[in-house]
Amino acid sequence: RKYPNAATDWAWQYIFPSGSFSIDPRSGV
């Protein structure tokens, strides 16, 4: 909420990502 564009910024990405997408159990995203 504080930085709306940070979630799609390269710097914030996990270095070791999952091989697939999943549903966040808290937000449902």
ModelCIF file with pLDDT and N, C-alpha, C, O atoms, coordinates in Angstrom:
data_MODEL
#
_entry.id   MODEL 
#
_entity.id                         1 
_entity.type                       polymer 
_entity.pdbx_number_of_molecules   1 
#
_entity_poly.entity_id                      1 
_entity_poly.type                           'polypeptide(L)' 
_entity_poly.nstd_linkage                   no 
_entity_poly.nstd_monomer                   no 
_entity_poly.pdbx_seq_one_letter_code       RKYPNAATDWAWQYIFPSGSFSIDPRSGV 
_entity_poly.pdbx_seq_one_letter_code_can   RKYPNAATDWAWQYIFPSGSFSIDPRSGV 
_entity_poly.pdbx_strand_id                 A 
#
loop_
_entity_poly_seq.entity_id 
_entity_poly_seq.num 
_entity_poly_seq.mon_id 
_entity_poly_seq.hetero 
1 1  ARG n 
1 2  LYS n 
1 3  TYR n 
1 4  PRO n 
1 5  ASN n 
1 6  ALA n 
1 7  ALA n 
1 8  THR n 
1 9  ASP n 
1 10 TRP n 
1 11 ALA n 
1 12 TRP n 
1 13 GLN n 
1 14 TYR n 
1 15 ILE n 
1 16 PHE n 
1 17 PRO n 
1 18 SER n 
1 19 GLY n 
1 20 SER n 
1 21 PHE n 
1 22 SER n 
1 23 ILE n 
1 24 ASP n 
1 25 PRO n 
1 26 ARG n 
1 27 SER n 
1 28 GLY n 
1 29 VAL n 
#
_struct_asym.id          A 
_struct_asym.entity_id   1 
#
loop_
_ma_qa_metric.id 
_ma_qa_metric.mode 
_ma_qa_metric.name 
_ma_qa_metric.software_group_id 
_ma_qa_metric.type 
1 global pLDDT . pLDDT 
2 local  pLDDT . pLDDT 
#
_ma_qa_metric_global.metric_id      1 
_ma_qa_metric_global.metric_value   87.48 
_ma_qa_metric_global.model_id       1 
_ma_qa_metric_global.ordinal_id     1 
#
loop_
_ma_qa_metric_local.label_asym_id 
_ma_qa_metric_local.label_comp_id 
_ma_qa_metric_local.label_seq_id 
_ma_qa_metric_local.metric_id 
_ma_qa_metric_local.metric_value 
_ma_qa_metric_local.model_id 
_ma_qa_metric_local.ordinal_id 
A ARG 1  2 76.00 1 1  
A LYS 2  2 78.00 1 2  
A TYR 3  2 77.00 1 3  
A PRO 4  2 79.00 1 4  
A ASN 5  2 84.00 1 5  
A ALA 6  2 86.00 1 6  
A ALA 7  2 87.00 1 7  
A THR 8  2 90.00 1 8  
A ASP 9  2 93.00 1 9  
A TRP 10 2 95.00 1 10 
A ALA 11 2 94.00 1 11 
A TRP 12 2 95.00 1 12 
A GLN 13 2 96.00 1 13 
A TYR 14 2 96.00 1 14 
A ILE 15 2 97.00 1 15 
A PHE 16 2 97.00 1 16 
A PRO 17 2 96.00 1 17 
A SER 18 2 94.00 1 18 
A GLY 19 2 91.00 1 19 
A SER 20 2 91.00 1 20 
A PHE 21 2 89.00 1 21 
A SER 22 2 89.00 1 22 
A ILE 23 2 88.00 1 23 
A ASP 24 2 82.00 1 24 
A PRO 25 2 79.00 1 25 
A ARG 26 2 75.00 1 26 
A SER 27 2 78.00 1 27 
A GLY 28 2 82.00 1 28 
A VAL 29 2 83.00 1 29 
#
loop_
_atom_site.group_PDB 
_atom_site.id 
_atom_site.type_symbol 
_atom_site.label_atom_id 
_atom_site.label_alt_id 
_atom_site.label_comp_id 
_atom_site.label_asym_id 
_atom_site.label_entity_id 
_atom_site.label_seq_id 
_atom_site.pdbx_PDB_ins_code 
_atom_site.Cartn_x 
_atom_site.Cartn_y 
_atom_site.Cartn_z 
_atom_site.occupancy 
_atom_site.B_iso_or_equiv 
_atom_site.pdbx_formal_charge 
_atom_site.auth_seq_id 
_atom_site.auth_comp_id 
_atom_site.auth_asym_id 
_atom_site.auth_atom_id 
_atom_site.pdbx_PDB_model_num 
ATOM 1   N N  . ARG A 1 1  ? 0.830  -1.209  0.000   1.00 76.00 ? 1  ARG A N  1 
ATOM 2   C CA . ARG A 1 1  ? 0.000  0.000   0.000   1.00 76.00 ? 1  ARG A CA 1 
ATOM 3   C C  . ARG A 1 1  ? 0.862  1.256   0.000   1.00 76.00 ? 1  ARG A C  1 
ATOM 4   O O  . ARG A 1 1  ? 0.496  2.269   -0.595  1.00 76.00 ? 1  ARG A O  1 
ATOM 5   N N  . LYS A 1 2  ? 2.009  1.184   0.670   1.00 78.00 ? 2  LYS A N  1 
ATOM 6   C CA . LYS A 1 2  ? 2.887  2.345   0.744   1.00 78.00 ? 2  LYS A CA 1 
ATOM 7   C C  . LYS A 1 2  ? 3.609  2.586   -0.577  1.00 78.00 ? 2  LYS A C  1 
ATOM 8   O O  . LYS A 1 2  ? 3.781  3.725   -1.010  1.00 78.00 ? 2  LYS A O  1 
ATOM 9   N N  . TYR A 1 3  ? 4.033  1.479   -1.216  1.00 77.00 ? 3  TYR A N  1 
ATOM 10  C CA . TYR A 1 3  ? 4.725  1.573   -2.514  1.00 77.00 ? 3  TYR A CA 1 
ATOM 11  C C  . TYR A 1 3  ? 3.972  0.697   -3.514  1.00 77.00 ? 3  TYR A C  1 
ATOM 12  O O  . TYR A 1 3  ? 4.323  -0.470  -3.691  1.00 77.00 ? 3  TYR A O  1 
ATOM 13  N N  . PRO A 1 4  ? 2.946  1.237   -4.168  1.00 79.00 ? 4  PRO A N  1 
ATOM 14  C CA . PRO A 1 4  ? 2.065  0.442   -5.033  1.00 79.00 ? 4  PRO A CA 1 
ATOM 15  C C  . PRO A 1 4  ? 2.783  -0.284  -6.167  1.00 79.00 ? 4  PRO A C  1 
ATOM 16  O O  . PRO A 1 4  ? 2.321  -1.337  -6.609  1.00 79.00 ? 4  PRO A O  1 
ATOM 17  N N  . ASN A 1 5  ? 3.901  0.257   -6.646  1.00 84.00 ? 5  ASN A N  1 
ATOM 18  C CA . ASN A 1 5  ? 4.587  -0.354  -7.780  1.00 84.00 ? 5  ASN A CA 1 
ATOM 19  C C  . ASN A 1 5  ? 5.707  -1.307  -7.374  1.00 84.00 ? 5  ASN A C  1 
ATOM 20  O O  . ASN A 1 5  ? 6.298  -1.972  -8.225  1.00 84.00 ? 5  ASN A O  1 
ATOM 21  N N  . ALA A 1 6  ? 5.999  -1.375  -6.083  1.00 86.00 ? 6  ALA A N  1 
ATOM 22  C CA . ALA A 1 6  ? 7.128  -2.188  -5.621  1.00 86.00 ? 6  ALA A CA 1 
ATOM 23  C C  . ALA A 1 6  ? 6.898  -3.676  -5.865  1.00 86.00 ? 6  ALA A C  1 
ATOM 24  O O  . ALA A 1 6  ? 7.855  -4.412  -6.106  1.00 86.00 ? 6  ALA A O  1 
ATOM 25  N N  . ALA A 1 7  ? 5.646  -4.134  -5.807  1.00 87.00 ? 7  ALA A N  1 
ATOM 26  C CA . ALA A 1 7  ? 5.346  -5.561  -5.946  1.00 87.00 ? 7  ALA A CA 1 
ATOM 27  C C  . ALA A 1 7  ? 5.733  -6.112  -7.306  1.00 87.00 ? 7  ALA A C  1 
ATOM 28  O O  . ALA A 1 7  ? 5.972  -7.311  -7.447  1.00 87.00 ? 7  ALA A O  1 
ATOM 29  N N  . THR A 1 8  ? 5.796  -5.252  -8.302  1.00 90.00 ? 8  THR A N  1 
ATOM 30  C CA . THR A 1 8  ? 6.174  -5.700  -9.644  1.00 90.00 ? 8  THR A CA 1 
ATOM 31  C C  . THR A 1 8  ? 7.553  -5.190  -10.042 1.00 90.00 ? 8  THR A C  1 
ATOM 32  O O  . THR A 1 8  ? 7.926  -5.234  -11.214 1.00 90.00 ? 8  THR A O  1 
ATOM 33  N N  . ASP A 1 9  ? 8.307  -4.708  -9.060  1.00 93.00 ? 9  ASP A N  1 
ATOM 34  C CA . ASP A 1 9  ? 9.664  -4.213  -9.314  1.00 93.00 ? 9  ASP A CA 1 
ATOM 35  C C  . ASP A 1 9  ? 10.651 -5.369  -9.268  1.00 93.00 ? 9  ASP A C  1 
ATOM 36  O O  . ASP A 1 9  ? 10.505 -6.276  -8.448  1.00 93.00 ? 9  ASP A O  1 
ATOM 37  N N  . TRP A 1 10 ? 11.654 -5.347  -10.137 1.00 95.00 ? 10 TRP A N  1 
ATOM 38  C CA . TRP A 1 10 ? 12.661 -6.406  -10.211 1.00 95.00 ? 10 TRP A CA 1 
ATOM 39  C C  . TRP A 1 10 ? 13.411 -6.567  -8.893  1.00 95.00 ? 10 TRP A C  1 
ATOM 40  O O  . TRP A 1 10 ? 13.730 -7.687  -8.493  1.00 95.00 ? 10 TRP A O  1 
ATOM 41  N N  . ALA A 1 11 ? 13.691 -5.465  -8.222  1.00 94.00 ? 11 ALA A N  1 
ATOM 42  C CA . ALA A 1 11 ? 14.487 -5.516  -7.003  1.00 94.00 ? 11 ALA A CA 1 
ATOM 43  C C  . ALA A 1 11 ? 13.816 -6.329  -5.892  1.00 94.00 ? 11 ALA A C  1 
ATOM 44  O O  . ALA A 1 11 ? 14.503 -6.896  -5.042  1.00 94.00 ? 11 ALA A O  1 
ATOM 45  N N  . TRP A 1 12 ? 12.492 -6.389  -5.894  1.00 95.00 ? 12 TRP A N  1 
ATOM 46  C CA . TRP A 1 12 ? 11.772 -7.083  -4.833  1.00 95.00 ? 12 TRP A CA 1 
ATOM 47  C C  . TRP A 1 12 ? 11.515 -8.557  -5.138  1.00 95.00 ? 12 TRP A C  1 
ATOM 48  O O  . TRP A 1 12 ? 10.971 -9.272  -4.297  1.00 95.00 ? 12 TRP A O  1 
ATOM 49  N N  . GLN A 1 13 ? 11.892 -9.014  -6.308  1.00 96.00 ? 13 GLN A N  1 
ATOM 50  C CA . GLN A 1 13 ? 11.605 -10.399 -6.677  1.00 96.00 ? 13 GLN A CA 1 
ATOM 51  C C  . GLN A 1 13 ? 12.452 -11.386 -5.884  1.00 96.00 ? 13 GLN A C  1 
ATOM 52  O O  . GLN A 1 13 ? 13.592 -11.095 -5.520  1.00 96.00 ? 13 GLN A O  1 
ATOM 53  N N  . TYR A 1 14 ? 11.880 -12.555 -5.623  1.00 96.00 ? 14 TYR A N  1 
ATOM 54  C CA . TYR A 1 14 ? 12.637 -13.614 -4.956  1.00 96.00 ? 14 TYR A CA 1 
ATOM 55  C C  . TYR A 1 14 ? 13.728 -14.133 -5.892  1.00 96.00 ? 14 TYR A C  1 
ATOM 56  O O  . TYR A 1 14 ? 13.490 -14.342 -7.082  1.00 96.00 ? 14 TYR A O  1 
ATOM 57  N N  . ILE A 1 15 ? 14.915 -14.338 -5.348  1.00 97.00 ? 15 ILE A N  1 
ATOM 58  C CA . ILE A 1 15 ? 16.019 -14.872 -6.153  1.00 97.00 ? 15 ILE A CA 1 
ATOM 59  C C  . ILE A 1 15 ? 15.740 -16.314 -6.542  1.00 97.00 ? 15 ILE A C  1 
ATOM 60  O O  . ILE A 1 15 ? 16.073 -16.742 -7.647  1.00 97.00 ? 15 ILE A O  1 
ATOM 61  N N  . PHE A 1 16 ? 15.129 -17.057 -5.634  1.00 97.00 ? 16 PHE A N  1 
ATOM 62  C CA . PHE A 1 16 ? 14.830 -18.466 -5.894  1.00 97.00 ? 16 PHE A CA 1 
ATOM 63  C C  . PHE A 1 16 ? 13.309 -18.648 -5.912  1.00 97.00 ? 16 PHE A C  1 
ATOM 64  O O  . PHE A 1 16 ? 12.707 -18.969 -4.887  1.00 97.00 ? 16 PHE A O  1 
ATOM 65  N N  . PRO A 1 17 ? 12.692 -18.442 -7.077  1.00 96.00 ? 17 PRO A N  1 
ATOM 66  C CA . PRO A 1 17 ? 11.228 -18.470 -7.157  1.00 96.00 ? 17 PRO A CA 1 
ATOM 67  C C  . PRO A 1 17 ? 10.681 -19.885 -7.328  1.00 96.00 ? 17 PRO A C  1 
ATOM 68  O O  . PRO A 1 17 ? 11.396 -20.819 -7.690  1.00 96.00 ? 17 PRO A O  1 
ATOM 69  N N  . SER A 1 18 ? 9.408  -19.997 -7.057  1.00 94.00 ? 18 SER A N  1 
ATOM 70  C CA . SER A 1 18 ? 8.708  -21.252 -7.302  1.00 94.00 ? 18 SER A CA 1 
ATOM 71  C C  . SER A 1 18 ? 8.567  -21.481 -8.801  1.00 94.00 ? 18 SER A C  1 
ATOM 72  O O  . SER A 1 18 ? 8.569  -20.534 -9.587  1.00 94.00 ? 18 SER A O  1 
ATOM 73  N N  . GLY A 1 19 ? 8.447  -22.725 -9.180  1.00 91.00 ? 19 GLY A N  1 
ATOM 74  C CA . GLY A 1 19 ? 8.288  -23.039 -10.597 1.00 91.00 ? 19 GLY A CA 1 
ATOM 75  C C  . GLY A 1 19 ? 6.881  -22.821 -11.100 1.00 91.00 ? 19 GLY A C  1 
ATOM 76  O O  . GLY A 1 19 ? 6.634  -22.956 -12.298 1.00 91.00 ? 19 GLY A O  1 
ATOM 77  N N  . SER A 1 20 ? 5.949  -22.489 -10.224 1.00 91.00 ? 20 SER A N  1 
ATOM 78  C CA . SER A 1 20 ? 4.563  -22.276 -10.623 1.00 91.00 ? 20 SER A CA 1 
ATOM 79  C C  . SER A 1 20 ? 3.931  -21.195 -9.754  1.00 91.00 ? 20 SER A C  1 
ATOM 80  O O  . SER A 1 20 ? 4.523  -20.752 -8.770  1.00 91.00 ? 20 SER A O  1 
ATOM 81  N N  . PHE A 1 21 ? 2.729  -20.777 -10.124 1.00 89.00 ? 21 PHE A N  1 
ATOM 82  C CA . PHE A 1 21 ? 1.993  -19.775 -9.369  1.00 89.00 ? 21 PHE A CA 1 
ATOM 83  C C  . PHE A 1 21 ? 1.156  -20.470 -8.295  1.00 89.00 ? 21 PHE A C  1 
ATOM 84  O O  . PHE A 1 21 ? 0.781  -21.633 -8.442  1.00 89.00 ? 21 PHE A O  1 
ATOM 85  N N  . SER A 1 22 ? 0.869  -19.745 -7.220  1.00 89.00 ? 22 SER A N  1 
ATOM 86  C CA . SER A 1 22 ? 0.059  -20.290 -6.141  1.00 89.00 ? 22 SER A CA 1 
ATOM 87  C C  . SER A 1 22 ? -0.792 -19.181 -5.539  1.00 89.00 ? 22 SER A C  1 
ATOM 88  O O  . SER A 1 22 ? -0.551 -17.997 -5.778  1.00 89.00 ? 22 SER A O  1 
ATOM 89  N N  . ILE A 1 23 ? -1.791 -19.577 -4.756  1.00 88.00 ? 23 ILE A N  1 
ATOM 90  C CA . ILE A 1 23 ? -2.701 -18.631 -4.128  1.00 88.00 ? 23 ILE A CA 1 
ATOM 91  C C  . ILE A 1 23 ? -2.183 -18.270 -2.739  1.00 88.00 ? 23 ILE A C  1 
ATOM 92  O O  . ILE A 1 23 ? -1.940 -19.149 -1.912  1.00 88.00 ? 23 ILE A O  1 
ATOM 93  N N  . ASP A 1 24 ? -2.017 -16.977 -2.490  1.00 82.00 ? 24 ASP A N  1 
ATOM 94  C CA . ASP A 1 24 ? -1.606 -16.515 -1.170  1.00 82.00 ? 24 ASP A CA 1 
ATOM 95  C C  . ASP A 1 24 ? -2.722 -16.830 -0.181  1.00 82.00 ? 24 ASP A C  1 
ATOM 96  O O  . ASP A 1 24 ? -3.844 -16.355 -0.359  1.00 82.00 ? 24 ASP A O  1 
ATOM 97  N N  . PRO A 1 25 ? -2.441 -17.630 0.872   1.00 79.00 ? 25 PRO A N  1 
ATOM 98  C CA . PRO A 1 25 ? -3.513 -18.031 1.791   1.00 79.00 ? 25 PRO A CA 1 
ATOM 99  C C  . PRO A 1 25 ? -4.117 -16.883 2.587   1.00 79.00 ? 25 PRO A C  1 
ATOM 100 O O  . PRO A 1 25 ? -5.228 -17.020 3.099   1.00 79.00 ? 25 PRO A O  1 
ATOM 101 N N  . ARG A 1 26 ? -3.428 -15.767 2.706   1.00 75.00 ? 26 ARG A N  1 
ATOM 102 C CA . ARG A 1 26 ? -3.954 -14.635 3.473   1.00 75.00 ? 26 ARG A CA 1 
ATOM 103 C C  . ARG A 1 26 ? -4.715 -13.650 2.599   1.00 75.00 ? 26 ARG A C  1 
ATOM 104 O O  . ARG A 1 26 ? -5.810 -13.216 2.955   1.00 75.00 ? 26 ARG A O  1 
ATOM 105 N N  . SER A 1 27 ? -4.132 -13.294 1.447   1.00 78.00 ? 27 SER A N  1 
ATOM 106 C CA . SER A 1 27 ? -4.766 -12.289 0.589   1.00 78.00 ? 27 SER A CA 1 
ATOM 107 C C  . SER A 1 27 ? -5.629 -12.892 -0.505  1.00 78.00 ? 27 SER A C  1 
ATOM 108 O O  . SER A 1 27 ? -6.508 -12.225 -1.051  1.00 78.00 ? 27 SER A O  1 
ATOM 109 N N  . GLY A 1 28 ? -5.375 -14.169 -0.828  1.00 82.00 ? 28 GLY A N  1 
ATOM 110 C CA . GLY A 1 28 ? -6.124 -14.802 -1.915  1.00 82.00 ? 28 GLY A CA 1 
ATOM 111 C C  . GLY A 1 28 ? -5.616 -14.435 -3.292  1.00 82.00 ? 28 GLY A C  1 
ATOM 112 O O  . GLY A 1 28 ? -6.236 -14.797 -4.292  1.00 82.00 ? 28 GLY A O  1 
ATOM 113 N N  . VAL A 1 29 ? -4.488 -13.716 -3.367  1.00 83.00 ? 29 VAL A N  1 
ATOM 114 C CA . VAL A 1 29 ? -3.929 -13.278 -4.641  1.00 83.00 ? 29 VAL A CA 1 
ATOM 115 C C  . VAL A 1 29 ? -3.067 -14.385 -5.237  1.00 83.00 ? 29 VAL A C  1 
ATOM 116 O O  . VAL A 1 29 ? -2.501 -14.214 -6.317  1.00 83.00 ? 29 VAL A O  1 
#
